[in-house]
Amino acid sequence: MSITLTSEIHMKSSPSLNLVGPVAGEVGLILRVEGGVALALLILVYRATGGSWWLFVALFFVPDFTMLGYLANRRIGATIYNLGHTYVSPAVLALASVVLGTPALWAIGVIWGAHIGFDRLMGYGLKYPQAFQATHLGWKGKGALV
């Protein structure tokens, strides 16, 4: 079985359901809704902790600077982008904030997590090294299937 995103990219799945490639249909919708829920909850957490909304606006799109990794090559770019767009990274930062007693790190972690939720809601997922547009939530940009 082969999942084709474009004529350039073929991601294979084995018969044992060890799938590799973008999610689609109901699963893709669930992941996008999940991102929206994460975004909403993290905005509520930020509001409850009394963070500066100027800081929120100023830092919200900072994780997108991880795209600069693509200046090196696609594999490095995808790796750096994914490190900046997994919930693990802001969770580690928030945990460090609690351990170190540094509220600023908490705020940054919450903003970072909210950004990831926003991206997921909009259908931007983790990147595959084959192409910048190839994400776990489907093909984004020029040549998109949806």
C-alpha atoms as a PDB file:
ATOM      1  CA  MET A   1       0.000   0.000   0.000  1.00  0.00           C
ATOM      2  CA  SER A   2       1.340   3.463  -0.829  1.00  0.00           C
ATOM      3  CA  ILE A   3       0.178   6.889   0.300  1.00  0.00           C
ATOM      4  CA  THR A   4       1.054   9.508  -2.311  1.00  0.00           C
ATOM      5  CA  LEU A   5       1.281  13.153  -1.274  1.00  0.00           C
ATOM      6  CA  THR A   6       2.703  14.431  -4.544  1.00  0.00           C
ATOM      7  CA  SER A   7       4.607  12.928  -7.410  1.00  0.00           C
ATOM      8  CA  GLU A   8       7.782  13.688  -5.424  1.00  0.00           C
ATOM      9  CA  ILE A   9       6.884  11.981  -2.160  1.00  0.00           C
ATOM     10  CA  HIS A  10       5.777   8.429  -1.547  1.00  0.00           C
ATOM     11  CA  MET A  11       5.315   7.288   2.014  1.00  0.00           C
ATOM     12  CA  LYS A  12       4.743   3.590   2.485  1.00  0.00           C
ATOM     13  CA  SER A  13       2.723   1.703   5.026  1.00  0.00           C
ATOM     14  CA  SER A  14       3.097  -1.968   5.779  1.00  0.00           C
ATOM     15  CA  PRO A  15       0.221  -4.448   5.922  1.00  0.00           C
ATOM     16  CA  SER A  16       0.834  -4.804   9.685  1.00  0.00           C
ATOM     17  CA  LEU A  17      -0.612  -1.296  10.188  1.00  0.00           C
ATOM     18  CA  ASN A  18       2.809   0.117  11.022  1.00  0.00           C
ATOM     19  CA  LEU A  19       1.783   3.257   9.145  1.00  0.00           C
ATOM     20  CA  VAL A  20       4.107   6.032   8.089  1.00  0.00           C
ATOM     21  CA  GLY A  21       2.719   9.184   6.581  1.00  0.00           C
ATOM     22  CA  PRO A  22       0.092  11.808   7.192  1.00  0.00           C
ATOM     23  CA  VAL A  23      -3.120  11.127   9.036  1.00  0.00           C
ATOM     24  CA  ALA A  24      -6.380  11.766   7.268  1.00  0.00           C
ATOM     25  CA  GLY A  25     -10.109  11.772   7.749  1.00  0.00           C
ATOM     26  CA  GLU A  26     -11.496  11.444  11.250  1.00  0.00           C
ATOM     27  CA  VAL A  27      -8.063  10.997  12.864  1.00  0.00           C
ATOM     28  CA  GLY A  28      -6.785  14.190  11.245  1.00  0.00           C
ATOM     29  CA  LEU A  29      -9.881  16.051  12.410  1.00  0.00           C
ATOM     30  CA  ILE A  30      -9.420  14.747  15.966  1.00  0.00           C
ATOM     31  CA  LEU A  31      -5.807  15.944  16.000  1.00  0.00           C
ATOM     32  CA  ARG A  32      -6.815  19.395  14.755  1.00  0.00           C
ATOM     33  CA  VAL A  33      -9.594  19.679  17.361  1.00  0.00           C
ATOM     34  CA  GLU A  34      -7.111  18.513  19.984  1.00  0.00           C
ATOM     35  CA  GLY A  35      -4.807  21.378  18.947  1.00  0.00           C
ATOM     36  CA  GLY A  36      -7.685  23.828  19.305  1.00  0.00           C
ATOM     37  CA  VAL A  37      -8.469  22.508  22.773  1.00  0.00           C
ATOM     38  CA  ALA A  38      -4.801  22.832  23.774  1.00  0.00           C
ATOM     39  CA  LEU A  39      -4.746  26.414  22.445  1.00  0.00           C
ATOM     40  CA  ALA A  40      -7.898  27.362  24.363  1.00  0.00           C
ATOM     41  CA  LEU A  41      -6.764  25.738  27.603  1.00  0.00           C
ATOM     42  CA  LEU A  42      -3.319  27.303  27.464  1.00  0.00           C
ATOM     43  CA  ILE A  43      -4.804  30.741  26.821  1.00  0.00           C
ATOM     44  CA  LEU A  44      -7.000  30.210  29.894  1.00  0.00           C
ATOM     45  CA  VAL A  45      -3.969  29.091  31.929  1.00  0.00           C
ATOM     46  CA  TYR A  46      -2.048  32.155  30.766  1.00  0.00           C
ATOM     47  CA  ARG A  47      -4.944  34.411  31.702  1.00  0.00           C
ATOM     48  CA  ALA A  48      -5.314  32.745  35.126  1.00  0.00           C
ATOM     49  CA  THR A  49      -1.627  33.229  35.888  1.00  0.00           C
ATOM     50  CA  GLY A  50      -1.821  36.927  35.041  1.00  0.00           C
ATOM     51  CA  GLY A  51       0.762  36.950  32.255  1.00  0.00           C
ATOM     52  CA  SER A  52       1.356  40.030  30.134  1.00  0.00           C
ATOM     53  CA  TRP A  53      -0.664  39.966  26.940  1.00  0.00           C
ATOM     54  CA  TRP A  54       2.013  42.078  25.267  1.00  0.00           C
ATOM     55  CA  LEU A  55       4.482  39.269  26.016  1.00  0.00           C
ATOM     56  CA  PHE A  56       2.001  36.716  24.683  1.00  0.00           C
ATOM     57  CA  VAL A  57       1.638  38.588  21.388  1.00  0.00           C
ATOM     58  CA  ALA A  58       5.374  39.251  21.120  1.00  0.00           C
ATOM     59  CA  LEU A  59       6.343  35.602  21.640  1.00  0.00           C
ATOM     60  CA  PHE A  60       3.456  33.736  20.038  1.00  0.00           C
ATOM     61  CA  PHE A  61       5.111  33.179  16.655  1.00  0.00           C
ATOM     62  CA  VAL A  62       8.707  32.870  17.903  1.00  0.00           C
ATOM     63  CA  PRO A  63       8.621  29.038  17.564  1.00  0.00           C
ATOM     64  CA  ASP A  64       8.268  29.527  13.808  1.00  0.00           C
ATOM     65  CA  PHE A  65      11.871  30.749  13.705  1.00  0.00           C
ATOM     66  CA  THR A  66      12.756  27.049  13.880  1.00  0.00           C
ATOM     67  CA  MET A  67      12.040  27.083  10.124  1.00  0.00           C
ATOM     68  CA  LEU A  68      15.470  28.631   9.740  1.00  0.00           C
ATOM     69  CA  GLY A  69      16.889  25.127  10.147  1.00  0.00           C
ATOM     70  CA  TYR A  70      15.783  24.545   6.567  1.00  0.00           C
ATOM     71  CA  LEU A  71      18.592  26.874   5.483  1.00  0.00           C
ATOM     72  CA  ALA A  72      20.969  23.975   6.257  1.00  0.00           C
ATOM     73  CA  ASN A  73      18.959  21.215   4.566  1.00  0.00           C
ATOM     74  CA  ARG A  74      15.582  19.454   4.764  1.00  0.00           C
ATOM     75  CA  ARG A  75      16.596  16.814   7.326  1.00  0.00           C
ATOM     76  CA  ILE A  76      18.131  19.318   9.746  1.00  0.00           C
ATOM     77  CA  GLY A  77      15.270  21.714   9.090  1.00  0.00           C
ATOM     78  CA  ALA A  78      12.625  19.093   9.864  1.00  0.00           C
ATOM     79  CA  THR A  79      14.450  18.024  13.029  1.00  0.00           C
ATOM     80  CA  ILE A  80      14.817  21.560  14.375  1.00  0.00           C
ATOM     81  CA  TYR A  81      11.270  22.500  13.368  1.00  0.00           C
ATOM     82  CA  ASN A  82       9.870  19.394  15.073  1.00  0.00           C
ATOM     83  CA  LEU A  83      11.818  20.088  18.280  1.00  0.00           C
ATOM     84  CA  GLY A  84      10.199  23.510  18.326  1.00  0.00           C
ATOM     85  CA  HIS A  85       6.758  22.151  17.534  1.00  0.00           C
ATOM     86  CA  THR A  86       6.317  19.236  19.902  1.00  0.00           C
ATOM     87  CA  TYR A  87       4.492  19.734  23.185  1.00  0.00           C
ATOM     88  CA  VAL A  88       7.450  18.078  24.953  1.00  0.00           C
ATOM     89  CA  SER A  89       9.682  21.150  24.559  1.00  0.00           C
ATOM     90  CA  PRO A  90       7.380  23.720  26.231  1.00  0.00           C
ATOM     91  CA  ALA A  91       6.416  21.121  28.862  1.00  0.00           C
ATOM     92  CA  VAL A  92      10.093  20.703  29.795  1.00  0.00           C
ATOM     93  CA  LEU A  93      10.426  24.499  29.981  1.00  0.00           C
ATOM     94  CA  ALA A  94       7.342  24.765  32.221  1.00  0.00           C
ATOM     95  CA  LEU A  95       8.673  21.973  34.444  1.00  0.00           C
ATOM     96  CA  ALA A  96      12.023  23.750  34.690  1.00  0.00           C
ATOM     97  CA  SER A  97      10.104  26.871  35.704  1.00  0.00           C
ATOM     98  CA  VAL A  98       8.472  25.017  38.595  1.00  0.00           C
ATOM     99  CA  VAL A  99      11.748  23.392  39.692  1.00  0.00           C
ATOM    100  CA  LEU A 100      13.739  26.633  39.430  1.00  0.00           C
ATOM    101  CA  GLY A 101      10.950  28.901  40.664  1.00  0.00           C
ATOM    102  CA  THR A 102      11.166  31.078  37.553  1.00  0.00           C
ATOM    103  CA  PRO A 103       7.715  32.382  36.518  1.00  0.00           C
ATOM    104  CA  ALA A 104       9.051  33.845  33.262  1.00  0.00           C
ATOM    105  CA  LEU A 105       9.921  30.358  32.013  1.00  0.00           C
ATOM    106  CA  TRP A 106       6.394  29.236  32.861  1.00  0.00           C
ATOM    107  CA  ALA A 107       4.900  32.060  30.781  1.00  0.00           C
ATOM    108  CA  ILE A 108       7.167  31.265  27.841  1.00  0.00           C
ATOM    109  CA  GLY A 109       6.295  27.558  28.056  1.00  0.00           C
ATOM    110  CA  VAL A 110       2.558  28.308  28.089  1.00  0.00           C
ATOM    111  CA  ILE A 111       2.847  30.687  25.126  1.00  0.00           C
ATOM    112  CA  TRP A 112       4.945  28.142  23.253  1.00  0.00           C
ATOM    113  CA  GLY A 113       2.406  25.394  23.894  1.00  0.00           C
ATOM    114  CA  ALA A 114      -0.419  27.694  22.770  1.00  0.00           C
ATOM    115  CA  HIS A 115       1.450  28.328  19.520  1.00  0.00           C
ATOM    116  CA  ILE A 116       1.715  24.581  18.892  1.00  0.00           C
ATOM    117  CA  GLY A 117      -2.007  24.185  19.562  1.00  0.00           C
ATOM    118  CA  PHE A 118      -2.728  26.978  17.081  1.00  0.00           C
ATOM    119  CA  ASP A 119      -0.546  25.351  14.441  1.00  0.00           C
ATOM    120  CA  ARG A 120      -2.256  21.971  14.916  1.00  0.00           C
ATOM    121  CA  LEU A 121      -5.695  23.597  14.752  1.00  0.00           C
ATOM    122  CA  MET A 122      -4.712  25.216  11.451  1.00  0.00           C
ATOM    123  CA  GLY A 123      -3.471  21.863  10.116  1.00  0.00           C
ATOM    124  CA  TYR A 124       0.270  22.495  10.404  1.00  0.00           C
ATOM    125  CA  GLY A 125       1.900  19.401  11.766  1.00  0.00           C
ATOM    126  CA  LEU A 126       5.310  17.964  12.445  1.00  0.00           C
ATOM    127  CA  LYS A 127       7.493  17.873   9.352  1.00  0.00           C
ATOM    128  CA  TYR A 128       8.798  14.956   7.354  1.00  0.00           C
ATOM    129  CA  PRO A 129      12.274  15.514   5.887  1.00  0.00           C
ATOM    130  CA  GLN A 130      11.093  14.821   2.331  1.00  0.00           C
ATOM    131  CA  ALA A 131       9.640  18.337   1.953  1.00  0.00           C
ATOM    132  CA  PHE A 132       8.706  21.332   4.096  1.00  0.00           C
ATOM    133  CA  GLN A 133       5.066  20.890   3.051  1.00  0.00           C
ATOM    134  CA  ALA A 134       4.952  17.214   4.142  1.00  0.00           C
ATOM    135  CA  THR A 135       3.499  17.102   7.671  1.00  0.00           C
ATOM    136  CA  HIS A 136       1.912  14.486   9.877  1.00  0.00           C
ATOM    137  CA  LEU A 137      -1.397  16.302   9.352  1.00  0.00           C
ATOM    138  CA  GLY A 138      -1.103  16.209   5.574  1.00  0.00           C
ATOM    139  CA  TRP A 139       0.426  18.224   2.784  1.00  0.00           C
ATOM    140  CA  LYS A 140       0.343  21.999   3.355  1.00  0.00           C
ATOM    141  CA  GLY A 141       0.814  24.744   0.791  1.00  0.00           C
ATOM    142  CA  LYS A 142       1.193  24.532  -2.960  1.00  0.00           C
ATOM    143  CA  GLY A 143       0.102  21.152  -4.251  1.00  0.00           C
ATOM    144  CA  ALA A 144      -1.988  20.352  -1.172  1.00  0.00           C
ATOM    145  CA  LEU A 145      -4.511  17.590  -1.577  1.00  0.00           C
ATOM    146  CA  VAL A 146      -7.139  19.268   0.579  1.00  0.00           C
END
